[in-house]
Protein backbone atom coordinates (compact mmCIF):
# COMPACT_ATOMS: atom_id res chain seq x y z
CA MET A 1 0.00 0.00 0.00
CA SER A 2 1.39 3.42 -0.96
CA LYS A 3 2.04 6.19 1.49
CA ILE A 4 -0.91 8.25 0.13
CA SER A 5 -3.32 5.28 0.31
CA LYS A 6 -2.23 4.63 3.89
CA SER A 7 -2.91 8.31 4.71
CA LEU A 8 -6.41 8.09 3.23
CA TYR A 9 -7.09 4.91 5.18
CA ILE A 10 -5.97 6.52 8.44
CA CYS A 11 -8.11 9.62 7.73
CA ILE A 12 -11.20 7.40 7.15
CA VAL A 13 -10.62 5.43 10.36
CA LEU A 14 -10.09 8.64 12.35
CA ALA A 15 -13.19 10.17 10.80
CA SER A 16 -15.31 7.22 11.94
CA PHE A 17 -13.74 7.28 15.41
CA LEU A 18 -14.39 10.98 15.89
CA LEU A 19 -18.13 10.87 15.25
CA GLY A 20 -18.54 11.21 19.01
CA CYS A 21 -16.92 13.76 21.28
CA VAL A 22 -13.17 13.86 20.62
CA PRO A 23 -11.03 14.26 23.75
CA ALA A 24 -8.16 16.73 23.55
CA LYS A 25 -5.43 14.11 23.78
CA GLU A 26 -6.94 11.92 21.05
CA PHE A 27 -7.63 14.89 18.85
CA GLN A 28 -3.92 15.78 18.91
CA ALA A 29 -3.28 12.63 16.87
CA LEU A 30 -6.04 13.68 14.48
CA GLN A 31 -4.50 17.12 14.20
CA ASP A 32 -1.17 15.55 13.32
CA LYS A 33 -2.83 13.45 10.61
CA ASN A 34 -4.64 16.53 9.32
CA LEU A 35 -1.35 18.43 9.10
CA LYS A 36 0.16 15.44 7.31
CA CYS A 37 -2.66 15.58 4.73
CA GLU A 38 -1.94 19.28 4.23
CA GLU A 39 1.75 18.46 3.76
CA GLU A 40 0.85 15.82 1.18
CA ARG A 41 -1.24 18.34 -0.70
CA GLU A 42 1.77 20.67 -0.74
CA LYS A 43 3.80 17.72 -1.96
CA PHE A 44 1.36 17.26 -4.86
CA SER A 45 1.71 20.96 -5.79
CA THR A 46 5.51 20.61 -5.54
CA GLU A 47 5.28 17.50 -7.74
CA ASN A 48 3.41 19.52 -10.33
CA GLU A 49 6.07 22.26 -10.23
CA SER A 50 8.82 19.61 -10.35
CA LEU A 51 7.27 18.07 -13.47
CA ASN A 52 7.23 21.50 -15.14
CA VAL A 53 10.95 21.95 -14.29
CA ARG A 54 11.83 18.48 -15.59
CA VAL A 55 9.96 19.10 -18.85
CA THR A 56 11.97 22.33 -19.28
CA GLU A 57 15.21 20.42 -18.57
CA CYS A 58 14.28 17.76 -21.16
CA ASP A 59 13.60 20.49 -23.74
CA THR A 60 17.03 22.02 -23.01
CA LYS A 61 18.80 18.65 -23.27
CA LEU A 62 16.95 17.96 -26.51
CA LYS A 63 18.18 21.24 -28.04
CA VAL A 64 21.77 20.54 -26.94
CA LEU A 65 21.73 17.02 -28.41
CA GLN A 66 20.22 18.29 -31.65
CA LYS A 67 22.99 20.90 -31.89
CA GLU A 68 25.64 18.19 -31.34
CA VAL A 69 24.04 15.98 -34.01
CA ASP A 70 24.06 18.88 -36.47
CA GLY A 71 27.76 19.49 -35.68
CA LEU A 72 28.61 15.82 -36.23
CA MET A 73 26.73 15.82 -39.55
CA ALA A 74 28.69 18.86 -40.74
CA ASP A 75 31.98 17.36 -39.54
CA SER A 76 31.21 14.07 -41.32
CA ALA A 77 30.63 15.97 -44.56
CA ASN A 78 34.00 17.70 -44.18
CA ARG A 79 35.70 14.38 -43.50
CA SER A 80 34.14 12.91 -46.62
CA VAL A 81 35.60 15.75 -48.70
CA GLU A 82 39.02 15.17 -47.13
CA LEU A 83 38.76 11.41 -47.82
CA LYS A 84 38.01 12.09 -51.46
CA ARG A 85 41.04 14.39 -51.69
CA LEU A 86 43.32 11.80 -50.07
CA ARG A 87 42.10 9.16 -52.50
CA GLU A 88 42.90 11.45 -55.42
CA ASP A 89 46.38 12.07 -53.94
CA TYR A 90 46.81 8.34 -53.53
CA GLU A 91 45.92 7.72 -57.19
CA ARG A 92 48.31 10.46 -58.29
CA VAL A 93 51.24 9.13 -56.23
CA SER A 94 50.49 5.57 -57.32
CA SER A 95 50.58 6.65 -60.94
CA LYS A 96 53.87 8.44 -60.37
CA TYR A 97 55.26 5.35 -58.66
CA ASN A 98 54.37 3.23 -61.67
CA GLU A 99 56.08 5.73 -63.96
CA LEU A 100 59.22 5.60 -61.86
CA GLN A 101 59.23 1.82 -61.90
CA GLU A 102 59.10 1.91 -65.68
CA LEU A 103 61.85 4.47 -65.77
CA GLN A 104 63.94 2.26 -63.50
CA GLN A 105 63.67 -0.59 -65.93
CA ASN A 106 64.80 1.66 -68.78
CA LEU A 107 67.80 2.92 -66.85
CA MET A 108 69.04 -0.41 -65.55
CA GLN A 109 71.66 -0.52 -68.24
CA GLY A 110 72.45 3.18 -68.12
CA ASN A 111 74.42 5.36 -65.77
CA GLN A 112 74.75 3.95 -62.22
CA LYS A 113 74.63 7.38 -60.71
CA GLU A 114 71.37 8.16 -62.42
CA THR A 115 70.07 4.79 -61.35
CA ARG A 116 70.84 5.45 -57.66
CA LYS A 117 69.12 8.81 -57.95
CA VAL A 118 66.04 7.20 -59.40
CA LEU A 119 66.07 4.50 -56.73
CA SER A 120 66.30 7.12 -53.99
CA GLN A 121 63.40 9.02 -55.50
CA LEU A 122 61.46 5.76 -55.79
CA GLN A 123 61.99 5.03 -52.08
CA ILE A 124 60.81 8.51 -51.14
CA THR A 125 57.75 8.06 -53.32
CA GLN A 126 57.06 4.65 -51.76
CA LYS A 127 57.22 6.18 -48.30
CA GLU A 128 54.88 9.01 -49.31
CA LEU A 129 52.52 6.47 -50.79
CA GLN A 130 52.57 4.41 -47.57
CA ASP A 131 52.00 7.54 -45.48
CA LYS A 132 49.04 8.49 -47.66
CA GLU A 133 47.62 5.00 -47.39
CA ASP A 134 47.99 4.99 -43.59
CA ALA A 135 46.33 8.42 -43.38
CA LEU A 136 43.49 7.16 -45.57
CA LYS A 137 42.91 4.13 -43.35
CA GLU A 138 42.99 6.27 -40.20
CA LEU A 139 40.48 8.68 -41.68
CA GLU A 140 38.20 5.81 -42.65
CA ARG A 141 38.44 4.44 -39.09
CA LYS A 142 37.56 7.84 -37.62
CA LEU A 143 34.63 8.21 -40.02
CA LEU A 144 33.28 4.80 -38.98
CA LEU A 145 33.68 5.76 -35.33
CA ARG A 146 31.92 9.10 -35.88
CA LYS A 147 29.11 7.34 -37.73
CA SER A 148 28.71 4.93 -34.81
CA ASN A 149 28.64 7.87 -32.38
CA LEU A 150 26.15 9.68 -34.59
CA ASP A 151 23.87 6.62 -34.65
CA GLN A 152 24.04 6.35 -30.86
CA MET A 153 23.28 10.07 -30.50
CA GLN A 154 20.23 9.59 -32.70
CA VAL A 155 19.05 6.68 -30.54
CA ASN A 156 19.51 8.81 -27.41
CA LEU A 157 17.66 11.66 -29.09
CA ASP A 158 14.75 9.37 -29.99
CA ASN A 159 14.60 8.01 -26.43
CA LEU A 160 14.65 11.53 -25.01
CA ASN A 161 11.81 12.53 -27.33
CA LYS A 162 9.74 9.54 -26.16
CA GLU A 163 10.44 10.36 -22.51
CA LEU A 164 9.48 13.98 -23.12
CA GLU A 165 6.22 12.92 -24.74
CA LEU A 166 5.40 10.65 -21.77
CA ARG A 167 6.18 13.42 -19.27
CA ASN A 168 4.08 15.89 -21.23
CA ALA A 169 1.18 13.42 -21.24
CA ARG A 170 1.50 12.95 -17.47
CA LEU A 171 1.70 16.68 -16.90
CA ILE A 172 -1.38 17.31 -19.04
CA GLU A 173 -3.31 14.63 -17.14
CA LEU A 174 -2.22 16.05 -13.78
CA GLU A 175 -3.20 19.59 -14.80
CA LYS A 176 -6.55 18.27 -16.06
CA ILE A 177 -7.27 16.64 -12.68
CA LEU A 178 -6.20 19.76 -10.76
CA ARG A 179 -8.41 21.97 -12.97
CA SER A 180 -11.28 19.56 -12.41
CA LYS A 181 -10.74 19.70 -8.62
CA ASP A 182 -10.63 23.51 -8.70
CA SER A 183 -13.85 23.57 -10.74
CA ILE A 184 -15.52 21.26 -8.21
CA VAL A 185 -14.41 23.50 -5.32
CA LEU A 186 -15.68 26.68 -7.01
CA ALA A 187 -19.00 25.02 -7.91
CA LEU A 188 -19.33 23.80 -4.33
CA LYS A 189 -18.65 27.31 -2.96
CA LYS A 190 -21.41 28.70 -5.20
CA LYS A 191 -23.87 26.05 -4.01
CA VAL A 192 -23.00 26.73 -0.36
CA THR A 193 -23.24 30.49 -0.90
CA ASP A 194 -26.64 30.14 -2.56
CA ALA A 195 -27.89 27.84 0.21
CA LEU A 196 -26.78 30.24 2.96
CA TYR A 197 -28.00 33.40 1.25
CA GLY A 198 -29.11 35.86 3.91
CA PHE A 199 -26.60 34.64 6.51
CA GLU A 200 -23.37 35.71 4.84
CA GLY A 201 -22.02 38.84 6.50
CA LYS A 202 -24.25 38.25 9.52
CA GLY A 203 -21.98 36.02 11.55
CA LEU A 204 -21.21 33.69 8.63
CA SER A 205 -18.54 33.85 5.91
CA ILE A 206 -17.53 31.54 3.03
CA LYS A 207 -14.14 31.33 1.33
CA VAL A 208 -11.97 29.01 -0.76
CA GLN A 209 -8.51 28.28 0.63
CA ASN A 210 -5.96 25.55 -0.23
CA GLY A 211 -8.43 23.74 -2.45
CA LYS A 212 -11.14 23.63 0.25
CA VAL A 213 -14.36 25.51 1.00
CA TYR A 214 -14.41 27.09 4.48
CA VAL A 215 -17.78 27.99 6.06
CA SER A 216 -16.92 30.08 9.15
CA LEU A 217 -19.66 30.48 11.79
CA GLU A 218 -19.09 33.16 14.41
CA GLU A 219 -19.93 32.42 18.05
CA LYS A 220 -22.68 35.06 18.10
CA LEU A 221 -24.56 33.14 15.38
CA MET A 222 -24.16 29.67 16.91
CA PHE A 223 -23.69 29.75 20.68
CA LYS A 224 -24.07 31.81 23.80
CA SER A 225 -20.82 32.59 25.62
CA GLY A 226 -19.39 29.50 27.32
CA LYS A 227 -22.23 27.27 26.01
CA TYR A 228 -22.36 24.51 23.43
CA ASP A 229 -26.11 24.39 22.72
CA VAL A 230 -26.71 25.68 19.18
CA ASP A 231 -28.74 28.87 18.92
CA PRO A 232 -31.93 28.59 16.78
CA LYS A 233 -30.48 31.02 14.21
CA GLY A 234 -27.39 28.85 13.86
CA ALA A 235 -29.48 25.69 13.58
CA THR A 236 -31.45 27.30 10.73
CA ALA A 237 -28.24 28.06 8.86
CA LEU A 238 -27.06 24.46 9.30
CA LYS A 239 -30.36 23.06 8.05
CA GLN A 240 -30.05 25.16 4.90
CA LEU A 241 -26.54 23.76 4.35
CA ILE A 242 -27.56 20.11 4.83
CA PRO A 243 -29.19 19.61 1.36
CA VAL A 244 -25.98 20.77 -0.36
CA LEU A 245 -23.95 18.26 1.66
CA GLU A 246 -26.47 15.48 0.94
CA GLN A 247 -26.31 16.15 -2.81
CA ASN A 248 -22.49 16.05 -2.87
CA PRO A 249 -21.52 12.68 -1.34
CA ASP A 250 -17.91 12.96 -2.60
CA ILE A 251 -17.22 15.88 -0.24
CA ASN A 252 -15.57 15.19 3.13
CA ILE A 253 -16.71 17.36 6.04
CA LEU A 254 -14.54 18.56 8.94
CA VAL A 255 -16.17 20.52 11.77
CA GLU A 256 -13.62 22.48 13.84
CA GLY A 257 -14.39 24.34 17.05
CA HIS A 258 -12.21 27.36 18.01
CA THR A 259 -12.12 29.49 21.15
CA ASP A 260 -10.27 32.63 22.19
CA ASP A 261 -7.32 32.67 24.62
CA VAL A 262 -9.37 33.57 27.69
CA PRO A 263 -9.20 30.55 30.07
CA PHE A 264 -12.53 28.76 30.42
CA LYS A 265 -13.72 28.25 33.97
CA GLY A 266 -14.54 24.56 34.13
CA ASN A 267 -17.79 23.04 35.30
CA ALA A 268 -19.14 19.54 35.82
CA VAL A 269 -19.16 18.88 32.04
CA LEU A 270 -16.37 21.01 30.58
CA LEU A 271 -12.87 21.44 31.95
CA ASP A 272 -11.29 23.99 29.63
CA ASN A 273 -11.26 25.52 26.13
CA TRP A 274 -10.32 22.14 24.62
CA ASP A 275 -13.53 20.63 25.95
CA LEU A 276 -15.62 23.64 24.93
CA SER A 277 -14.32 23.74 21.35
CA THR A 278 -14.69 19.96 20.97
CA LYS A 279 -18.20 19.91 22.40
CA ARG A 280 -19.32 22.69 20.06
CA ALA A 281 -17.90 20.81 17.07
CA THR A 282 -19.65 17.55 17.98
CA THR A 283 -22.94 19.37 18.64
CA ILE A 284 -22.88 20.79 15.11
CA LEU A 285 -21.82 17.38 13.72
CA ARG A 286 -24.88 15.73 15.23
CA ILE A 287 -27.18 18.31 13.64
CA LEU A 288 -25.60 17.55 10.27
CA VAL A 289 -25.93 13.74 10.46
CA ASN A 290 -28.95 13.04 12.69
CA GLY A 291 -32.02 12.45 10.55
CA THR A 292 -30.22 13.37 7.30
CA LYS A 293 -28.78 11.45 4.33
CA ILE A 294 -25.22 12.50 5.15
CA ASN A 295 -23.02 9.45 5.70
CA PRO A 296 -21.41 9.83 9.16
CA ALA A 297 -18.20 8.31 7.77
CA ARG A 298 -17.73 11.55 5.79
CA VAL A 299 -17.81 13.75 8.88
CA THR A 300 -15.08 14.54 11.45
CA ALA A 301 -15.41 16.74 14.54
CA ALA A 302 -12.39 18.45 16.10
CA GLY A 303 -11.72 20.87 18.93
CA ARG A 304 -8.86 23.29 18.25
CA SER A 305 -9.18 25.27 21.49
CA GLN A 306 -7.37 28.65 21.29
CA TYR A 307 -4.38 27.50 19.25
CA VAL A 308 -5.43 28.39 15.68
CA PRO A 309 -6.47 32.05 15.99
CA LEU A 310 -7.38 34.25 13.04
CA ASP A 311 -6.03 37.29 14.86
CA LYS A 312 -3.25 36.95 17.48
CA THR A 313 -3.76 40.37 19.06
CA LYS A 314 -5.33 40.61 22.51
CA THR A 315 -8.12 43.03 21.64
CA PRO A 316 -11.83 42.27 22.23
CA GLU A 317 -12.39 42.43 18.46
CA ALA A 318 -9.63 39.86 17.81
CA ARG A 319 -10.99 37.50 20.47
CA GLN A 320 -14.50 37.78 19.03
CA LYS A 321 -13.14 36.90 15.59
CA ASN A 322 -11.28 33.87 16.98
CA ARG A 323 -14.39 32.44 18.69
CA ARG A 324 -15.81 30.53 15.76
CA THR A 325 -16.74 27.15 14.30
CA GLU A 326 -15.49 26.19 10.82
CA ILE A 327 -17.10 23.65 8.53
CA ILE A 328 -14.35 22.65 6.07
CA LEU A 329 -15.47 20.92 2.86
CA THR A 330 -12.83 18.92 0.94
CA PRO A 331 -13.33 17.11 -2.39
CA LYS A 332 -12.07 13.54 -2.48
CA LEU A 333 -8.85 13.30 -4.52
CA ASP A 334 -8.82 9.55 -5.26
CA GLU A 335 -8.21 10.07 -8.99
CA LEU A 336 -5.27 12.40 -8.32
CA PHE A 337 -3.77 9.98 -5.79
CA LYS A 338 -4.01 7.08 -8.27
CA LEU A 339 -2.20 9.11 -10.94
CA LEU A 340 0.59 10.07 -8.54
CA GLU A 341 0.94 6.47 -7.32
CA SER A 342 1.28 5.21 -10.92
CA ASN A 343 4.27 7.55 -11.38
């Protein structure tokens, strides 16, 4: 099983486990898994960027190899011209050698001095002829070697072209899946916005971030201070959201409770801000799944206490902003995971 498949399996198990109230200590493990999922998403984006870089590198290598092939072709043409010239020189020297041999025969009975001169010239000519022949053979050997190198370069060039085509196909497929995911997220945001028309700007906001749709519910819309019973106005908003979630079964749902940094004075039920944020998240979760068509396996509840603030300042306005519940909607990325696993 691949690392990504294992991560999905763990997320599903944790989602089922957290249908009830999630204690702070157990939620820490869920938070770690959630962070790991975020890191994997970053990894997928990095993989996309890496593929773009590698395609650029392949294009560069292809241009360099093509330039080298062109240079070898030009050099081979020059060598062919030189080979032709050497052959002509060889024929000329060979003809001269034959003439000198004939002259030697004619002078055998003549002057010894002249004969020695002719013999000396004949030896020089023989040496020149041998040198030319050796040079011709060496040039032929180099031409054969260059032809072999040229053939190998062509094979490498063909292989690089095939690899580039495969990488381009993978990149196109990956971009297609990412565009499809983005389209799903934007369409989902529109459906959620339409369903919650009248609430947005009145304690409720909707945004797209990191490929997810965030529905942020302020405390004033959902709960009284220090309580976890949902206010009727908040319950109405949730009921208007439920049909959208029922009609989109491929969307995972994470309900996160957040508090401010003011310590919560415990009571018989709640000990601290961890308990308060968790209890609020599970209360909203139950409204979403009880009596609806939403599969509980899709839903996770989490308490984040005071540790993920929107505004870190200590002003009353910042604390009010931080007291919120977020419903995070994430499209399933099974198709993208399968593509990445196949690579």
